[in-house]
Full PDB file with SEQRES, HELIX, SHEET, SSBOND, CRYST1, ORIGX, SCALE, CONECT and MASTER records, all heavy atoms in Angstrom:
SEQRES   1 A   42  ALA GLU LEU LEU GLY ILE SER ARG GLN ALA ILE SER LYS          
SEQRES   2 A   42  TRP GLU SER GLY GLN GLY ASN PRO ASP ILE ASP ASN ILE          
SEQRES   3 A   42  ILE LYS LEU THR LYS ILE TYR GLN VAL SER THR ASP TYR          
SEQRES   4 A   42  ILE LEU LEU                                                  
HELIX    1 AA1 ARG A    8  SER A   16  1                                   9    
HELIX    2 AA2 ILE A   23  TYR A   33  1                                  11    
HELIX    3 AA3 THR A   37  LEU A   41  1                                   5    
CRYST1    1.000    1.000    1.000  90.00  90.00  90.00 P 1           1          
ORIGX1      1.000000  0.000000  0.000000        0.00000                         
ORIGX2      0.000000  1.000000  0.000000        0.00000                         
ORIGX3      0.000000  0.000000  1.000000        0.00000                         
SCALE1      1.000000  0.000000  0.000000        0.00000                         
SCALE2      0.000000  1.000000  0.000000        0.00000                         
SCALE3      0.000000  0.000000  1.000000        0.00000                         
ATOM      1  N   ALA A   1    -244.307 -97.751 -80.107  1.00  0.00           N  
ATOM      2  CA  ALA A   1    -245.416 -97.107 -80.822  1.00  0.00           C  
ATOM      3  C   ALA A   1    -245.914 -95.900 -80.084  1.00  0.00           C  
ATOM      4  O   ALA A   1    -246.212 -94.879 -80.796  1.00  0.00           O  
ATOM      5  CB  ALA A   1    -246.652 -98.173 -80.855  1.00  0.00           C  
ATOM      6  N   GLU A   2    -245.891 -95.821 -78.800  1.00  0.00           N  
ATOM      7  CA  GLU A   2    -246.228 -94.588 -78.062  1.00  0.00           C  
ATOM      8  C   GLU A   2    -245.198 -93.492 -78.404  1.00  0.00           C  
ATOM      9  O   GLU A   2    -245.664 -92.335 -78.520  1.00  0.00           O  
ATOM     10  CB  GLU A   2    -246.232 -94.906 -76.486  1.00  0.00           C  
ATOM     11  CG  GLU A   2    -247.457 -95.605 -76.055  1.00  0.00           C  
ATOM     12  CD  GLU A   2    -247.520 -95.684 -74.601  1.00  0.00           C  
ATOM     13  OE1 GLU A   2    -246.908 -94.893 -73.863  1.00  0.00           O  
ATOM     14  OE2 GLU A   2    -248.186 -96.611 -74.123  1.00  0.00           O  
ATOM     15  N   LEU A   3    -244.000 -93.811 -78.418  1.00  0.00           N  
ATOM     16  CA  LEU A   3    -242.957 -92.774 -78.737  1.00  0.00           C  
ATOM     17  C   LEU A   3    -243.182 -92.166 -80.072  1.00  0.00           C  
ATOM     18  O   LEU A   3    -242.964 -90.962 -80.269  1.00  0.00           O  
ATOM     19  CB  LEU A   3    -241.546 -93.369 -78.665  1.00  0.00           C  
ATOM     20  CG  LEU A   3    -240.946 -93.641 -77.235  1.00  0.00           C  
ATOM     21  CD1 LEU A   3    -239.610 -94.464 -77.322  1.00  0.00           C  
ATOM     22  CD2 LEU A   3    -240.793 -92.429 -76.395  1.00  0.00           C  
ATOM     23  N   LEU A   4    -243.606 -93.048 -81.033  1.00  0.00           N  
ATOM     24  CA  LEU A   4    -243.798 -92.611 -82.429  1.00  0.00           C  
ATOM     25  C   LEU A   4    -245.199 -92.024 -82.581  1.00  0.00           C  
ATOM     26  O   LEU A   4    -245.434 -91.338 -83.647  1.00  0.00           O  
ATOM     27  CB  LEU A   4    -243.466 -93.657 -83.348  1.00  0.00           C  
ATOM     28  CG  LEU A   4    -242.093 -94.212 -83.366  1.00  0.00           C  
ATOM     29  CD1 LEU A   4    -241.953 -95.481 -84.278  1.00  0.00           C  
ATOM     30  CD2 LEU A   4    -241.159 -93.213 -83.948  1.00  0.00           C  
ATOM     31  N   GLY A   5    -246.109 -92.255 -81.655  1.00  0.00           N  
ATOM     32  CA  GLY A   5    -247.565 -91.752 -81.901  1.00  0.00           C  
ATOM     33  C   GLY A   5    -248.249 -92.605 -82.924  1.00  0.00           C  
ATOM     34  O   GLY A   5    -249.079 -91.993 -83.645  1.00  0.00           O  
ATOM     35  N   ILE A   6    -247.957 -93.880 -83.008  1.00  0.00           N  
ATOM     36  CA  ILE A   6    -248.653 -94.763 -83.941  1.00  0.00           C  
ATOM     37  C   ILE A   6    -249.134 -96.037 -83.178  1.00  0.00           C  
ATOM     38  O   ILE A   6    -248.842 -96.107 -81.967  1.00  0.00           O  
ATOM     39  CB  ILE A   6    -247.695 -95.269 -85.067  1.00  0.00           C  
ATOM     40  CG1 ILE A   6    -246.496 -95.954 -84.545  1.00  0.00           C  
ATOM     41  CG2 ILE A   6    -247.275 -93.987 -85.932  1.00  0.00           C  
ATOM     42  CD1 ILE A   6    -245.558 -96.408 -85.666  1.00  0.00           C  
ATOM     43  N   SER A   7    -249.739 -96.879 -83.825  1.00  0.00           N  
ATOM     44  CA  SER A   7    -250.313 -98.161 -83.245  1.00  0.00           C  
ATOM     45  C   SER A   7    -249.194 -99.282 -83.126  1.00  0.00           C  
ATOM     46  O   SER A   7    -248.175 -99.262 -83.834  1.00  0.00           O  
ATOM     47  CB  SER A   7    -251.383 -98.749 -84.077  1.00  0.00           C  
ATOM     48  OG  SER A   7    -251.023 -99.242 -85.298  1.00  0.00           O  
ATOM     49  N   ARG A   8    -249.370-100.032 -82.158  1.00  0.00           N  
ATOM     50  CA  ARG A   8    -248.431-101.196 -81.983  1.00  0.00           C  
ATOM     51  C   ARG A   8    -248.546-102.118 -83.190  1.00  0.00           C  
ATOM     52  O   ARG A   8    -247.463-102.735 -83.626  1.00  0.00           O  
ATOM     53  CB  ARG A   8    -248.838-102.024 -80.773  1.00  0.00           C  
ATOM     54  CG  ARG A   8    -247.829-103.192 -80.418  1.00  0.00           C  
ATOM     55  CD  ARG A   8    -248.366-104.272 -79.639  1.00  0.00           C  
ATOM     56  NE  ARG A   8    -249.555-104.887 -80.216  1.00  0.00           N  
ATOM     57  CZ  ARG A   8    -249.628-105.771 -81.223  1.00  0.00           C  
ATOM     58  NH1 ARG A   8    -248.552-106.178 -81.749  1.00  0.00           N  
ATOM     59  NH2 ARG A   8    -250.752-106.287 -81.628  1.00  0.00           N  
ATOM     60  N   GLN A   9    -249.666-102.184 -83.849  1.00  0.00           N  
ATOM     61  CA  GLN A   9    -249.792-103.088 -84.997  1.00  0.00           C  
ATOM     62  C   GLN A   9    -248.881-102.625 -86.123  1.00  0.00           C  
ATOM     63  O   GLN A   9    -248.415-103.305 -86.940  1.00  0.00           O  
ATOM     64  CB  GLN A   9    -251.328-103.152 -85.506  1.00  0.00           C  
ATOM     65  CG  GLN A   9    -252.144-103.909 -84.533  1.00  0.00           C  
ATOM     66  CD  GLN A   9    -252.607-103.104 -83.358  1.00  0.00           C  
ATOM     67  OE1 GLN A   9    -252.324-101.909 -83.149  1.00  0.00           O  
ATOM     68  NE2 GLN A   9    -253.363-103.714 -82.417  1.00  0.00           N  
ATOM     69  N   ALA A  10    -248.768-101.246 -86.230  1.00  0.00           N  
ATOM     70  CA  ALA A  10    -247.827-100.690 -87.303  1.00  0.00           C  
ATOM     71  C   ALA A  10    -246.359-101.269 -87.035  1.00  0.00           C  
ATOM     72  O   ALA A  10    -245.711-101.659 -87.991  1.00  0.00           O  
ATOM     73  CB  ALA A  10    -247.873 -99.233 -87.311  1.00  0.00           C  
ATOM     74  N   ILE A  11    -245.985-101.274 -85.881  1.00  0.00           N  
ATOM     75  CA  ILE A  11    -244.554-101.642 -85.494  1.00  0.00           C  
ATOM     76  C   ILE A  11    -244.566-103.163 -85.862  1.00  0.00           C  
ATOM     77  O   ILE A  11    -243.480-103.657 -86.437  1.00  0.00           O  
ATOM     78  CB  ILE A  11    -244.229-101.455 -83.980  1.00  0.00           C  
ATOM     79  CG1 ILE A  11    -244.349 -99.987 -83.571  1.00  0.00           C  
ATOM     80  CG2 ILE A  11    -242.905-102.037 -83.654  1.00  0.00           C  
ATOM     81  CD1 ILE A  11    -243.496 -99.091 -84.121  1.00  0.00           C  
ATOM     82  N   SER A  12    -245.573-103.911 -85.502  1.00  0.00           N  
ATOM     83  CA  SER A  12    -245.616-105.369 -85.841  1.00  0.00           C  
ATOM     84  C   SER A  12    -245.441-105.613 -87.304  1.00  0.00           C  
ATOM     85  O   SER A  12    -244.701-106.458 -87.737  1.00  0.00           O  
ATOM     86  CB  SER A  12    -246.877-105.993 -85.226  1.00  0.00           C  
ATOM     87  OG  SER A  12    -246.820-107.314 -85.578  1.00  0.00           O  
ATOM     88  N   LYS A  13    -246.292-104.792 -88.137  1.00  0.00           N  
ATOM     89  CA  LYS A  13    -246.114-104.968 -89.632  1.00  0.00           C  
ATOM     90  C   LYS A  13    -244.736-104.658 -90.085  1.00  0.00           C  
ATOM     91  O   LYS A  13    -244.237-105.359 -91.017  1.00  0.00           O  
ATOM     92  CB  LYS A  13    -247.155-104.032 -90.239  1.00  0.00           C  
ATOM     93  CG  LYS A  13    -248.540-104.569 -90.137  1.00  0.00           C  
ATOM     94  CD  LYS A  13    -249.480-103.650 -90.850  1.00  0.00           C  
ATOM     95  CE  LYS A  13    -250.952-104.235 -90.680  1.00  0.00           C  
ATOM     96  NZ  LYS A  13    -251.946-103.446 -91.443  1.00  0.00           N  
ATOM     97  N   TRP A  14    -244.119-103.609 -89.632  1.00  0.00           N  
ATOM     98  CA  TRP A  14    -242.734-103.272 -89.958  1.00  0.00           C  
ATOM     99  C   TRP A  14    -241.775-104.411 -89.732  1.00  0.00           C  
ATOM    100  O   TRP A  14    -240.960-104.805 -90.551  1.00  0.00           O  
ATOM    101  CB  TRP A  14    -242.151-102.103 -89.310  1.00  0.00           C  
ATOM    102  CG  TRP A  14    -242.937-100.754 -89.516  1.00  0.00           C  
ATOM    103  CD1 TRP A  14    -243.917-100.496 -90.472  1.00  0.00           C  
ATOM    104  CD2 TRP A  14    -242.738 -99.586 -88.798  1.00  0.00           C  
ATOM    105  NE1 TRP A  14    -244.385 -99.276 -90.366  1.00  0.00           N  
ATOM    106  CE2 TRP A  14    -243.700 -98.657 -89.275  1.00  0.00           C  
ATOM    107  CE3 TRP A  14    -241.976 -99.165 -87.708  1.00  0.00           C  
ATOM    108  CZ2 TRP A  14    -243.825 -97.395 -88.768  1.00  0.00           C  
ATOM    109  CZ3 TRP A  14    -242.052 -97.980 -87.236  1.00  0.00           C  
ATOM    110  CH2 TRP A  14    -242.902 -97.008 -87.797  1.00  0.00           C  
ATOM    111  N   GLU A  15    -241.874-104.993 -88.523  1.00  0.00           N  
ATOM    112  CA  GLU A  15    -240.968-106.015 -88.005  1.00  0.00           C  
ATOM    113  C   GLU A  15    -241.230-107.391 -88.669  1.00  0.00           C  
ATOM    114  O   GLU A  15    -240.284-108.151 -88.779  1.00  0.00           O  
ATOM    115  CB  GLU A  15    -240.999-106.055 -86.563  1.00  0.00           C  
ATOM    116  CG  GLU A  15    -240.391-104.889 -85.811  1.00  0.00           C  
ATOM    117  CD  GLU A  15    -240.316-105.013 -84.399  1.00  0.00           C  
ATOM    118  OE1 GLU A  15    -240.800-106.041 -83.768  1.00  0.00           O  
ATOM    119  OE2 GLU A  15    -239.891-104.057 -83.775  1.00  0.00           O  
ATOM    120  N   SER A  16    -242.386-107.509 -89.317  1.00  0.00           N  
ATOM    121  CA  SER A  16    -242.712-108.843 -89.950  1.00  0.00           C  
ATOM    122  C   SER A  16    -242.577-108.723 -91.423  1.00  0.00           C  
ATOM    123  O   SER A  16    -242.807-109.608 -92.178  1.00  0.00           O  
ATOM    124  CB  SER A  16    -244.115-109.345 -89.569  1.00  0.00           C  
ATOM    125  OG  SER A  16    -245.104-108.322 -90.130  1.00  0.00           O  
ATOM    126  N   GLY A  17    -242.190-107.519 -91.915  1.00  0.00           N  
ATOM    127  CA  GLY A  17    -241.951-107.298 -93.336  1.00  0.00           C  
ATOM    128  C   GLY A  17    -243.186-107.024 -94.144  1.00  0.00           C  
ATOM    129  O   GLY A  17    -243.284-107.020 -95.331  1.00  0.00           O  
ATOM    130  N   GLN A  18    -244.386-106.776 -93.384  1.00  0.00           N  
ATOM    131  CA  GLN A  18    -245.630-106.535 -94.079  1.00  0.00           C  
ATOM    132  C   GLN A  18    -245.864-105.117 -94.459  1.00  0.00           C  
ATOM    133  O   GLN A  18    -246.853-104.700 -95.084  1.00  0.00           O  
ATOM    134  CB  GLN A  18    -246.809-107.050 -93.236  1.00  0.00           C  
ATOM    135  CG  GLN A  18    -246.766-108.502 -92.954  1.00  0.00           C  
ATOM    136  CD  GLN A  18    -247.902-109.006 -91.996  1.00  0.00           C  
ATOM    137  OE1 GLN A  18    -248.717-108.123 -91.692  1.00  0.00           O  
ATOM    138  NE2 GLN A  18    -247.790-110.231 -91.558  1.00  0.00           N  
ATOM    139  N   GLY A  19    -244.965-104.251 -93.960  1.00  0.00           N  
ATOM    140  CA  GLY A  19    -245.035-102.787 -94.297  1.00  0.00           C  
ATOM    141  C   GLY A  19    -243.749-102.158 -93.917  1.00  0.00           C  
ATOM    142  O   GLY A  19    -242.876-102.807 -93.339  1.00  0.00           O  
ATOM    143  N   ASN A  20    -243.577-100.847 -94.247  1.00  0.00           N  
ATOM    144  CA  ASN A  20    -242.427-100.169 -94.010  1.00  0.00           C  
ATOM    145  C   ASN A  20    -242.847 -98.768 -93.314  1.00  0.00           C  
ATOM    146  O   ASN A  20    -243.810 -98.178 -93.645  1.00  0.00           O  
ATOM    147  CB  ASN A  20    -241.632 -99.834 -95.334  1.00  0.00           C  
ATOM    148  CG  ASN A  20    -241.045-101.181 -95.874  1.00  0.00           C  
ATOM    149  OD1 ASN A  20    -240.547-101.975 -95.161  1.00  0.00           O  
ATOM    150  ND2 ASN A  20    -241.203-101.287 -97.141  1.00  0.00           N  
ATOM    151  N   PRO A  21    -241.866 -98.225 -92.519  1.00  0.00           N  
ATOM    152  CA  PRO A  21    -242.222 -96.911 -91.891  1.00  0.00           C  
ATOM    153  C   PRO A  21    -241.962 -95.790 -93.047  1.00  0.00           C  
ATOM    154  O   PRO A  21    -241.326 -95.966 -93.903  1.00  0.00           O  
ATOM    155  CB  PRO A  21    -241.052 -96.793 -90.860  1.00  0.00           C  
ATOM    156  CG  PRO A  21    -240.002 -97.758 -91.234  1.00  0.00           C  
ATOM    157  CD  PRO A  21    -240.667 -98.857 -92.081  1.00  0.00           C  
ATOM    158  N   ASP A  22    -242.853 -94.774 -92.806  1.00  0.00           N  
ATOM    159  CA  ASP A  22    -242.698 -93.591 -93.692  1.00  0.00           C  
ATOM    160  C   ASP A  22    -241.555 -92.809 -93.315  1.00  0.00           C  
ATOM    161  O   ASP A  22    -240.875 -93.073 -92.250  1.00  0.00           O  
ATOM    162  CB  ASP A  22    -244.053 -92.804 -93.707  1.00  0.00           C  
ATOM    163  CG  ASP A  22    -244.338 -92.067 -92.371  1.00  0.00           C  
ATOM    164  OD1 ASP A  22    -243.451 -91.996 -91.515  1.00  0.00           O  
ATOM    165  OD2 ASP A  22    -245.561 -91.819 -92.195  1.00  0.00           O  
ATOM    166  N   ILE A  23    -241.132 -91.872 -94.111  1.00  0.00           N  
ATOM    167  CA  ILE A  23    -239.968 -91.070 -93.927  1.00  0.00           C  
ATOM    168  C   ILE A  23    -239.932 -90.371 -92.575  1.00  0.00           C  
ATOM    169  O   ILE A  23    -238.941 -90.260 -91.856  1.00  0.00           O  
ATOM    170  CB  ILE A  23    -239.660 -90.096 -95.013  1.00  0.00           C  
ATOM    171  CG1 ILE A  23    -238.378 -89.427 -94.893  1.00  0.00           C  
ATOM    172  CG2 ILE A  23    -240.734 -88.938 -95.142  1.00  0.00           C  
ATOM    173  CD1 ILE A  23    -237.259 -90.367 -95.170  1.00  0.00           C  
ATOM    174  N   ASP A  24    -241.147 -89.793 -92.120  1.00  0.00           N  
ATOM    175  CA  ASP A  24    -241.245 -89.097 -90.818  1.00  0.00           C  
ATOM    176  C   ASP A  24    -240.868 -90.097 -89.732  1.00  0.00           C  
ATOM    177  O   ASP A  24    -240.145 -89.790 -88.751  1.00  0.00           O  
ATOM    178  CB  ASP A  24    -242.552 -88.534 -90.607  1.00  0.00           C  
ATOM    179  CG  ASP A  24    -242.891 -87.368 -91.477  1.00  0.00           C  
ATOM    180  OD1 ASP A  24    -241.996 -86.669 -91.914  1.00  0.00           O  
ATOM    181  OD2 ASP A  24    -244.030 -87.153 -91.825  1.00  0.00           O  
ATOM    182  N   ASN A  25    -241.390 -91.295 -89.714  1.00  0.00           N  
ATOM    183  CA  ASN A  25    -241.059 -92.255 -88.692  1.00  0.00           C  
ATOM    184  C   ASN A  25    -239.669 -92.836 -88.768  1.00  0.00           C  
ATOM    185  O   ASN A  25    -239.056 -93.080 -87.736  1.00  0.00           O  
ATOM    186  CB  ASN A  25    -242.007 -93.421 -88.691  1.00  0.00           C  
ATOM    187  CG  ASN A  25    -243.415 -93.091 -88.123  1.00  0.00           C  
ATOM    188  OD1 ASN A  25    -243.500 -92.335 -87.193  1.00  0.00           O  
ATOM    189  ND2 ASN A  25    -244.462 -93.441 -88.845  1.00  0.00           N  
ATOM    190  N   ILE A  26    -239.070 -92.772 -89.951  1.00  0.00           N  
ATOM    191  CA  ILE A  26    -237.704 -93.208 -90.107  1.00  0.00           C  
ATOM    192  C   ILE A  26    -236.794 -92.158 -89.400  1.00  0.00           C  
ATOM    193  O   ILE A  26    -235.875 -92.559 -88.580  1.00  0.00           O  
ATOM    194  CB  ILE A  26    -237.168 -93.483 -91.608  1.00  0.00           C  
ATOM    195  CG1 ILE A  26    -237.927 -94.685 -92.150  1.00  0.00           C  
ATOM    196  CG2 ILE A  26    -235.687 -93.479 -91.652  1.00  0.00           C  
ATOM    197  CD1 ILE A  26    -237.762 -94.925 -93.570  1.00  0.00           C  
ATOM    198  N   ILE A  27    -237.113 -90.923 -89.567  1.00  0.00           N  
ATOM    199  CA  ILE A  27    -236.393 -89.917 -88.973  1.00  0.00           C  
ATOM    200  C   ILE A  27    -236.498 -89.954 -87.451  1.00  0.00           C  
ATOM    201  O   ILE A  27    -235.561 -89.803 -86.684  1.00  0.00           O  
ATOM    202  CB  ILE A  27    -236.863 -88.465 -89.476  1.00  0.00           C  
ATOM    203  CG1 ILE A  27    -236.412 -88.289 -90.976  1.00  0.00           C  
ATOM    204  CG2 ILE A  27    -236.237 -87.325 -88.695  1.00  0.00           C  
ATOM    205  CD1 ILE A  27    -237.038 -87.144 -91.698  1.00  0.00           C  
ATOM    206  N   LYS A  28    -237.738 -90.214 -86.961  1.00  0.00           N  
ATOM    207  CA  LYS A  28    -237.927 -90.403 -85.462  1.00  0.00           C  
ATOM    208  C   LYS A  28    -237.133 -91.546 -84.964  1.00  0.00           C  
ATOM    209  O   LYS A  28    -236.515 -91.456 -83.875  1.00  0.00           O  
ATOM    210  CB  LYS A  28    -239.376 -90.552 -85.174  1.00  0.00           C  
ATOM    211  CG  LYS A  28    -240.224 -89.247 -85.417  1.00  0.00           C  
ATOM    212  CD  LYS A  28    -241.667 -89.514 -85.103  1.00  0.00           C  
ATOM    213  CE  LYS A  28    -242.544 -88.397 -85.515  1.00  0.00           C  
ATOM    214  NZ  LYS A  28    -243.988 -88.627 -85.293  1.00  0.00           N  
ATOM    215  N   LEU A  29    -237.096 -92.649 -85.693  1.00  0.00           N  
ATOM    216  CA  LEU A  29    -236.289 -93.826 -85.300  1.00  0.00           C  
ATOM    217  C   LEU A  29    -234.854 -93.562 -85.196  1.00  0.00           C  
ATOM    218  O   LEU A  29    -234.167 -94.045 -84.346  1.00  0.00           O  
ATOM    219  CB  LEU A  29    -236.556 -94.948 -86.225  1.00  0.00           C  
ATOM    220  CG  LEU A  29    -237.968 -95.575 -86.209  1.00  0.00           C  
ATOM    221  CD1 LEU A  29    -238.164 -96.564 -87.370  1.00  0.00           C  
ATOM    222  CD2 LEU A  29    -238.219 -96.285 -84.827  1.00  0.00           C  
ATOM    223  N   THR A  30    -234.351 -92.653 -86.175  1.00  0.00           N  
ATOM    224  CA  THR A  30    -232.815 -92.356 -86.065  1.00  0.00           C  
ATOM    225  C   THR A  30    -232.538 -91.650 -84.699  1.00  0.00           C  
ATOM    226  O   THR A  30    -231.541 -91.871 -84.035  1.00  0.00           O  
ATOM    227  CB  THR A  30    -232.359 -91.472 -87.216  1.00  0.00           C  
ATOM    228  OG1 THR A  30    -233.000 -90.126 -87.138  1.00  0.00           O  
ATOM    229  CG2 THR A  30    -232.615 -92.136 -88.509  1.00  0.00           C  
ATOM    230  N   LYS A  31    -233.459 -90.819 -84.276  1.00  0.00           N  
ATOM    231  CA  LYS A  31    -233.282 -90.093 -83.004  1.00  0.00           C  
ATOM    232  C   LYS A  31    -233.406 -91.028 -81.810  1.00  0.00           C  
ATOM    233  O   LYS A  31    -232.629 -90.896 -80.862  1.00  0.00           O  
ATOM    234  CB  LYS A  31    -234.280 -88.908 -82.947  1.00  0.00           C  
ATOM    235  CG  LYS A  31    -233.999 -87.838 -83.940  1.00  0.00           C  
ATOM    236  CD  LYS A  31    -235.038 -86.751 -83.945  1.00  0.00           C  
ATOM    237  CE  LYS A  31    -234.773 -85.694 -85.004  1.00  0.00           C  
ATOM    238  NZ  LYS A  31    -235.742 -84.688 -85.094  1.00  0.00           N  
ATOM    239  N   ILE A  32    -234.454 -91.882 -81.881  1.00  0.00           N  
ATOM    240  CA  ILE A  32    -234.572 -92.822 -80.725  1.00  0.00           C  
ATOM    241  C   ILE A  32    -233.399 -93.760 -80.555  1.00  0.00           C  
ATOM    242  O   ILE A  32    -232.983 -93.923 -79.442  1.00  0.00           O  
ATOM    243  CB  ILE A  32    -235.902 -93.574 -80.988  1.00  0.00           C  
ATOM    244  CG1 ILE A  32    -237.142 -92.705 -80.832  1.00  0.00           C  
ATOM    245  CG2 ILE A  32    -236.043 -94.777 -80.046  1.00  0.00           C  
ATOM    246  CD1 ILE A  32    -238.425 -93.287 -81.260  1.00  0.00           C  
ATOM    247  N   TYR A  33    -232.933 -94.294 -81.759  1.00  0.00           N  
ATOM    248  CA  TYR A  33    -231.943 -95.360 -81.639  1.00  0.00           C  
ATOM    249  C   TYR A  33    -230.500 -94.777 -81.869  1.00  0.00           C  
ATOM    250  O   TYR A  33    -229.482 -95.514 -81.662  1.00  0.00           O  
ATOM    251  CB  TYR A  33    -232.103 -96.324 -82.727  1.00  0.00           C  
ATOM    252  CG  TYR A  33    -233.431 -97.167 -82.607  1.00  0.00           C  
ATOM    253  CD1 TYR A  33    -234.192 -97.468 -83.735  1.00  0.00           C  
ATOM    254  CD2 TYR A  33    -233.860 -97.697 -81.380  1.00  0.00           C  
ATOM    255  CE1 TYR A  33    -235.404 -98.106 -83.645  1.00  0.00           C  
ATOM    256  CE2 TYR A  33    -234.998 -98.387 -81.287  1.00  0.00           C  
ATOM    257  CZ  TYR A  33    -235.818 -98.596 -82.330  1.00  0.00           C  
ATOM    258  OH  TYR A  33    -236.851 -99.327 -82.293  1.00  0.00           O  
ATOM    259  N   GLN A  34    -230.389 -93.517 -82.072  1.00  0.00           N  
ATOM    260  CA  GLN A  34    -229.157 -92.816 -82.306  1.00  0.00           C  
ATOM    261  C   GLN A  34    -228.272 -93.505 -83.368  1.00  0.00           C  
ATOM    262  O   GLN A  34    -227.141 -93.790 -83.195  1.00  0.00           O  
ATOM    263  CB  GLN A  34    -228.361 -92.853 -80.945  1.00  0.00           C  
ATOM    264  CG  GLN A  34    -229.005 -92.106 -79.757  1.00  0.00           C  
ATOM    265  CD  GLN A  34    -228.949 -90.606 -79.929  1.00  0.00           C  
ATOM    266  OE1 GLN A  34    -227.901 -90.079 -80.080  1.00  0.00           O  
ATOM    267  NE2 GLN A  34    -230.130 -89.914 -79.916  1.00  0.00           N  
ATOM    268  N   VAL A  35    -228.912 -93.704 -84.560  1.00  0.00           N  
ATOM    269  CA  VAL A  35    -228.274 -94.290 -85.649  1.00  0.00           C  
ATOM    270  C   VAL A  35    -228.557 -93.447 -86.927  1.00  0.00           C  
ATOM    271  O   VAL A  35    -229.478 -92.681 -86.870  1.00  0.00           O  
ATOM    272  CB  VAL A  35    -228.685 -95.823 -85.925  1.00  0.00           C  
ATOM    273  CG1 VAL A  35    -228.248 -96.698 -84.755  1.00  0.00           C  
ATOM    274  CG2 VAL A  35    -230.145 -95.930 -86.224  1.00  0.00           C  
ATOM    275  N   SER A  36    -227.868 -93.648 -87.976  1.00  0.00           N  
ATOM    276  CA  SER A  36    -228.041 -92.963 -89.259  1.00  0.00           C  
ATOM    277  C   SER A  36    -229.249 -93.597 -90.024  1.00  0.00           C  
ATOM    278  O   SER A  36    -229.671 -94.761 -89.831  1.00  0.00           O  
ATOM    279  CB  SER A  36    -226.871 -92.915 -90.166  1.00  0.00           C  
ATOM    280  OG  SER A  36    -226.607 -94.293 -90.606  1.00  0.00           O  
ATOM    281  N   THR A  37    -229.848 -92.727 -90.930  1.00  0.00           N  
ATOM    282  CA  THR A  37    -230.940 -93.269 -91.808  1.00  0.00           C  
ATOM    283  C   THR A  37    -230.334 -94.295 -92.655  1.00  0.00           C  
ATOM    284  O   THR A  37    -230.919 -95.252 -93.039  1.00  0.00           O  
ATOM    285  CB  THR A  37    -231.545 -92.103 -92.626  1.00  0.00           C  
ATOM    286  OG1 THR A  37    -230.406 -91.447 -93.248  1.00  0.00           O  
ATOM    287  CG2 THR A  37    -232.339 -91.206 -91.811  1.00  0.00           C  
ATOM    288  N   ASP A  38    -229.030 -94.161 -93.132  1.00  0.00           N  
ATOM    289  CA  ASP A  38    -228.388 -95.229 -93.951  1.00  0.00           C  
ATOM    290  C   ASP A  38    -228.359 -96.552 -93.211  1.00  0.00           C  
ATOM    291  O   ASP A  38    -228.557 -97.660 -93.790  1.00  0.00           O  
ATOM    292  CB  ASP A  38    -226.908 -94.762 -94.218  1.00  0.00           C  
ATOM    293  CG  ASP A  38    -226.897 -93.777 -95.381  1.00  0.00           C  
ATOM    294  OD1 ASP A  38    -227.913 -93.611 -95.958  1.00  0.00           O  
ATOM    295  OD2 ASP A  38    -225.673 -93.303 -95.626  1.00  0.00           O  
ATOM    296  N   TYR A  39    -228.157 -96.612 -91.850  1.00  0.00           N  
ATOM    297  CA  TYR A  39    -228.098 -97.750 -91.125  1.00  0.00           C  
ATOM    298  C   TYR A  39    -229.475 -98.409 -91.102  1.00  0.00           C  
ATOM    299  O   TYR A  39    -229.674 -99.575 -91.376  1.00  0.00           O  
ATOM    300  CB  TYR A  39    -227.608 -97.695 -89.740  1.00  0.00           C  
ATOM    301  CG  TYR A  39    -227.507 -98.953 -89.061  1.00  0.00           C  
ATOM    302  CD1 TYR A  39    -226.590 -99.977 -89.447  1.00  0.00           C  
ATOM    303  CD2 TYR A  39    -228.540 -99.329 -88.114  1.00  0.00           C  
ATOM    304  CE1 TYR A  39    -226.659-101.255 -88.804  1.00  0.00           C  
ATOM    305  CE2 TYR A  39    -228.509-100.629 -87.531  1.00  0.00           C  
ATOM    306  CZ  TYR A  39    -227.599-101.610 -87.893  1.00  0.00           C  
ATOM    307  OH  TYR A  39    -227.590-102.697 -87.400  1.00  0.00           O  
ATOM    308  N   ILE A  40    -230.555 -97.670 -90.827  1.00  0.00           N  
ATOM    309  CA  ILE A  40    -231.920 -98.165 -90.708  1.00  0.00           C  
ATOM    310  C   ILE A  40    -232.243 -98.693 -92.113  1.00  0.00           C  
ATOM    311  O   ILE A  40    -232.832 -99.803 -92.191  1.00  0.00           O  
ATOM    312  CB  ILE A  40    -232.858 -97.115 -90.252  1.00  0.00           C  
ATOM    313  CG1 ILE A  40    -232.608 -96.740 -88.736  1.00  0.00           C  
ATOM    314  CG2 ILE A  40    -234.357 -97.552 -90.426  1.00  0.00           C  
ATOM    315  CD1 ILE A  40    -233.433 -95.750 -88.097  1.00  0.00           C  
ATOM    316  N   LEU A  41    -232.053 -97.989 -93.159  1.00  0.00           N  
ATOM    317  CA  LEU A  41    -232.664 -98.287 -94.496  1.00  0.00           C  
ATOM    318  C   LEU A  41    -231.735 -99.380 -95.175  1.00  0.00           C  
ATOM    319  O   LEU A  41    -232.305-100.241 -95.807  1.00  0.00           O  
ATOM    320  CB  LEU A  41    -232.753 -97.120 -95.321  1.00  0.00           C  
ATOM    321  CG  LEU A  41    -233.760 -96.109 -94.935  1.00  0.00           C  
ATOM    322  CD1 LEU A  41    -233.698 -94.826 -95.729  1.00  0.00           C  
ATOM    323  CD2 LEU A  41    -235.150 -96.571 -95.010  1.00  0.00           C  
ATOM    324  N   LEU A  42    -230.426 -99.222 -94.986  1.00  0.00           N  
ATOM    325  CA  LEU A  42    -229.522-100.031 -95.852  1.00  0.00           C  
ATOM    326  C   LEU A  42    -228.657-100.902 -95.013  1.00  0.00           C  
ATOM    327  O   LEU A  42    -227.990-101.889 -95.605  1.00  0.00           O  
ATOM    328  CB  LEU A  42    -228.650 -99.161 -96.775  1.00  0.00           C  
ATOM    329  CG  LEU A  42    -229.450 -98.166 -97.627  1.00  0.00           C  
ATOM    330  CD1 LEU A  42    -228.624 -97.287 -98.398  1.00  0.00           C  
ATOM    331  CD2 LEU A  42    -230.309 -98.983 -98.675  1.00  0.00           C  
TER     332      LEU A  42                                                      
MASTER        0    0    0    3    0    0    0    6  331    1    0    4          
END                                                                             
């Protein structure tokens, strides 16, 4: 959450399926995890 500049609760919601990251956060996640957007999304 600190790396993304968001709350820990947002991460918790994504991981529990109660919400999804927006496109800006998906792009940041690809950089953090060194994976493609296709892998994260699909």
